[in-house]
C-alpha cells in the first residue's frame, strides 16, 4: 500500500510542478522574463526559446530589454514577439530590442484569468487520470488475488483522499494566480 502512496505523490507532484511552470508564462500585473519562455525562433535549424539565445532584463517596471548574443537573430526575435499572443510591440536599435509594456486592461486581465482557469482544469483532469490509472492497477491486483477486498477498499479510499487534496492544491494555486493577475 505504501508504494501506491509514493507513486501517487510523485505523479501528483509533477502535475503541480507543471501547473506552476505554465503559470510562470502567464502575464500578470508585474512583468516577468518568464513570459518569453514559450516564444521560439529558428536558430541553427532548431526551434529554440528566445530565453536561450539572449539575455532578458527588466530595468524598469514597464520596460523589457532583450539582448541577443548573436546580433544576426535580432529580427527573428522581434518577429517572434510580434507574432506571439503577448500583444507587445518591440522596437530594435540594431543591437537590442526594447519593449515598452502597456498596463493590462481589465478586459485583458479577464482573458488571462480565463486562460488560467483552463490550465487549472487541464491539470485537474491529469490528476483524475492518474487516480484512474492507479485505481485500475489496484483493482487488477485484487482480481489476481495479490491483495484482499478489504485492502482494495482501503487503498481506493486513500487514493481518492489524496486526489482530493491535490485538487484542492490546484484550486489554491489558481486562486493565488487570479489575485496576482487582477492586482493593479
Protein backbone atom coordinates (compact mmCIF):
# COMPACT_ATOMS: atom_id res chain seq x y z
CA UNK A 1 0.00 0.00 0.00
CA UNK A 2 2.88 2.41 0.75
CA UNK A 3 4.28 2.08 -2.78
CA UNK A 4 0.96 3.38 -4.14
CA UNK A 5 1.20 6.48 -1.98
CA UNK A 6 4.75 7.14 -3.17
CA UNK A 7 3.72 6.60 -6.81
CA UNK A 8 0.67 8.85 -6.37
CA UNK A 9 2.64 11.60 -4.61
CA UNK A 10 5.35 11.50 -7.27
CA UNK A 11 2.89 11.76 -10.17
CA UNK A 12 0.71 14.39 -8.49
CA UNK A 13 3.76 16.48 -7.55
CA UNK A 14 4.76 16.50 -11.21
CA UNK A 15 1.28 17.80 -12.09
CA UNK A 16 1.69 20.65 -9.57
CA UNK A 17 5.16 21.45 -10.92
CA UNK A 18 3.78 21.51 -14.46
CA UNK A 19 0.98 23.85 -13.34
CA UNK A 20 3.49 26.15 -11.68
CA UNK A 21 5.64 26.23 -14.84
CA UNK A 22 2.60 27.01 -17.01
CA UNK A 23 1.56 29.82 -14.69
CA UNK A 24 5.02 31.40 -14.82
CA UNK A 25 4.46 32.11 -18.50
CA UNK A 26 1.20 33.99 -17.91
CA UNK A 27 1.35 37.76 -17.90
CA UNK A 28 0.36 39.37 -14.62
CA UNK A 29 0.40 42.95 -13.38
CA UNK A 30 4.13 42.57 -12.75
CA UNK A 31 6.23 41.90 -15.83
CA UNK A 32 8.49 38.85 -15.70
CA UNK A 33 11.02 37.43 -18.13
CA UNK A 34 9.20 34.09 -17.82
CA UNK A 35 6.50 35.31 -20.20
CA UNK A 36 9.05 34.88 -23.01
CA UNK A 37 9.68 31.18 -22.21
CA UNK A 38 7.20 29.99 -24.86
CA UNK A 39 8.45 32.21 -27.69
CA UNK A 40 10.66 30.30 -30.12
CA UNK A 41 12.78 31.15 -33.15
CA UNK A 42 14.57 29.01 -35.72
CA UNK A 43 18.23 29.02 -34.67
CA UNK A 44 20.81 26.73 -36.30
CA UNK A 45 17.98 24.64 -37.75
CA UNK A 46 16.24 24.07 -34.43
CA UNK A 47 13.29 25.63 -32.65
CA UNK A 48 14.91 27.48 -29.76
CA UNK A 49 13.32 29.58 -26.99
CA UNK A 50 14.45 33.20 -27.17
CA UNK A 51 15.41 32.92 -23.50
CA UNK A 52 18.23 30.57 -24.57
CA UNK A 53 19.69 32.87 -27.24
CA UNK A 54 19.51 36.22 -25.46
CA UNK A 55 19.56 37.95 -22.12
CA UNK A 56 16.30 39.44 -20.95
CA UNK A 57 16.41 42.30 -18.46
CA UNK A 58 13.68 44.35 -16.85
CA UNK A 59 15.38 47.63 -15.86
CA UNK A 60 12.07 49.42 -15.17
CA UNK A 61 8.57 48.31 -14.21
CA UNK A 62 7.23 48.70 -17.76
CA UNK A 63 10.36 48.13 -19.88
CA UNK A 64 11.92 44.90 -21.15
CA UNK A 65 15.33 44.85 -22.82
CA UNK A 66 16.27 41.79 -24.87
CA UNK A 67 19.87 41.50 -26.00
CA UNK A 68 20.59 38.57 -28.32
CA UNK A 69 24.03 37.01 -28.06
CA UNK A 70 24.11 36.75 -31.85
CA UNK A 71 23.08 40.05 -33.50
CA UNK A 72 22.03 38.22 -36.68
CA UNK A 73 18.91 36.85 -34.95
CA UNK A 74 17.65 40.22 -33.75
CA UNK A 75 14.99 40.40 -36.47
CA UNK A 76 13.87 36.81 -35.81
CA UNK A 77 13.34 37.57 -32.12
CA UNK A 78 11.48 40.78 -32.92
CA UNK A 79 9.22 38.94 -35.39
CA UNK A 80 8.57 36.09 -32.93
CA UNK A 81 7.45 38.57 -30.27
CA UNK A 82 5.19 40.37 -32.75
CA UNK A 83 3.63 37.04 -33.79
CA UNK A 84 3.11 35.88 -30.19
CA UNK A 85 -0.05 36.34 -28.15
CA UNK A 86 1.69 38.78 -25.79
CA UNK A 87 0.30 41.88 -27.55
CA UNK A 88 3.66 43.64 -27.34
CA UNK A 89 5.31 45.92 -29.85
CA UNK A 90 9.11 45.51 -29.81
CA UNK A 91 11.47 48.11 -31.25
CA UNK A 92 15.05 47.43 -32.22
CA UNK A 93 18.05 49.75 -32.42
CA UNK A 94 20.25 47.19 -34.18
CA UNK A 95 21.77 45.70 -31.04
CA UNK A 96 18.95 45.34 -28.50
CA UNK A 97 15.17 45.06 -28.54
CA UNK A 98 13.22 47.32 -26.22
CA UNK A 99 9.62 46.67 -25.35
CA UNK A 100 7.51 49.23 -23.56
CA UNK A 101 4.97 47.07 -21.81
CA UNK A 102 1.49 48.57 -21.64
CA UNK A 103 -0.51 48.17 -18.46
CA UNK A 104 -3.03 45.35 -18.63
CA UNK A 105 -6.58 46.40 -19.37
CA UNK A 106 -9.41 44.99 -17.32
CA UNK A 107 -10.60 43.03 -20.36
CA UNK A 108 -7.13 41.55 -20.94
CA UNK A 109 -6.89 40.58 -17.26
CA UNK A 110 -10.22 38.73 -17.58
CA UNK A 111 -8.90 36.87 -20.66
CA UNK A 112 -5.77 35.84 -18.76
CA UNK A 113 -7.90 34.67 -15.80
CA UNK A 114 -10.00 32.54 -18.19
CA UNK A 115 -6.82 31.03 -19.59
CA UNK A 116 -5.50 30.37 -16.06
CA UNK A 117 -8.76 28.57 -15.19
CA UNK A 118 -8.47 26.46 -18.35
CA UNK A 119 -4.90 25.49 -17.44
CA UNK A 120 -6.02 24.56 -13.91
CA UNK A 121 -8.85 22.41 -15.30
CA UNK A 122 -6.43 20.58 -17.60
CA UNK A 123 -4.22 19.80 -14.61
CA UNK A 124 -7.21 18.60 -12.59
CA UNK A 125 -8.02 16.23 -15.46
CA UNK A 126 -4.42 14.96 -15.36
CA UNK A 127 -4.80 14.40 -11.63
CA UNK A 128 -8.01 12.44 -12.14
CA UNK A 129 -6.37 10.37 -14.90
CA UNK A 130 -3.54 9.44 -12.53
CA UNK A 131 -6.15 8.41 -9.94
CA UNK A 132 -7.98 6.30 -12.54
CA UNK A 133 -4.78 4.56 -13.68
CA UNK A 134 -3.83 3.74 -10.11
CA UNK A 135 -7.36 2.53 -9.30
CA UNK A 136 -7.21 0.18 -12.29
CA UNK A 137 -3.84 -1.21 -11.18
CA UNK A 138 -5.12 -1.85 -7.66
CA UNK A 139 -8.32 -3.49 -8.93
CA UNK A 140 -6.23 -5.72 -11.18
CA UNK A 141 -4.15 -6.78 -8.18
CA UNK A 142 -7.31 -7.63 -6.28
CA UNK A 143 -8.59 -9.73 -9.20
CA UNK A 144 -5.28 -11.58 -9.27
CA UNK A 145 -5.63 -12.19 -5.51
CA UNK A 146 -2.49 -10.18 -4.70
CA UNK A 147 -4.48 -8.06 -2.22
CA UNK A 148 -7.70 -8.63 -0.28
CA UNK A 149 -11.02 -6.97 -0.94
CA UNK A 150 -10.71 -5.02 2.33
CA UNK A 151 -7.27 -3.79 1.30
CA UNK A 152 -8.68 -2.79 -2.08
CA UNK A 153 -11.36 -0.63 -0.44
CA UNK A 154 -8.83 0.95 1.94
CA UNK A 155 -6.40 1.70 -0.89
CA UNK A 156 -9.12 3.12 -3.17
CA UNK A 157 -10.29 5.40 -0.33
CA UNK A 158 -6.73 6.51 0.30
CA UNK A 159 -6.21 7.24 -3.41
CA UNK A 160 -9.42 9.29 -3.51
CA UNK A 161 -8.48 11.29 -0.40
CA UNK A 162 -5.04 12.05 -1.84
CA UNK A 163 -6.59 13.08 -5.15
CA UNK A 164 -8.96 15.42 -3.35
CA UNK A 165 -6.01 17.01 -1.52
CA UNK A 166 -4.18 17.63 -4.81
CA UNK A 167 -7.30 19.04 -6.48
CA UNK A 168 -7.60 21.49 -3.55
CA UNK A 169 -3.94 22.44 -4.01
CA UNK A 170 -4.61 23.16 -7.69
CA UNK A 171 -7.60 25.33 -6.71
CA UNK A 172 -5.47 27.17 -4.16
CA UNK A 173 -2.71 27.82 -6.72
CA UNK A 174 -5.34 29.05 -9.19
CA UNK A 175 -6.82 31.46 -6.64
CA UNK A 176 -3.38 32.88 -5.87
CA UNK A 177 -2.68 33.33 -9.57
CA UNK A 178 -6.03 35.05 -10.14
CA UNK A 179 -5.24 37.51 -7.33
CA UNK A 180 -1.83 38.16 -8.88
CA UNK A 181 -3.37 38.72 -12.34
CA UNK A 182 -6.06 41.07 -11.04
CA UNK A 183 -3.62 43.07 -8.92
CA UNK A 184 -3.28 46.57 -10.38
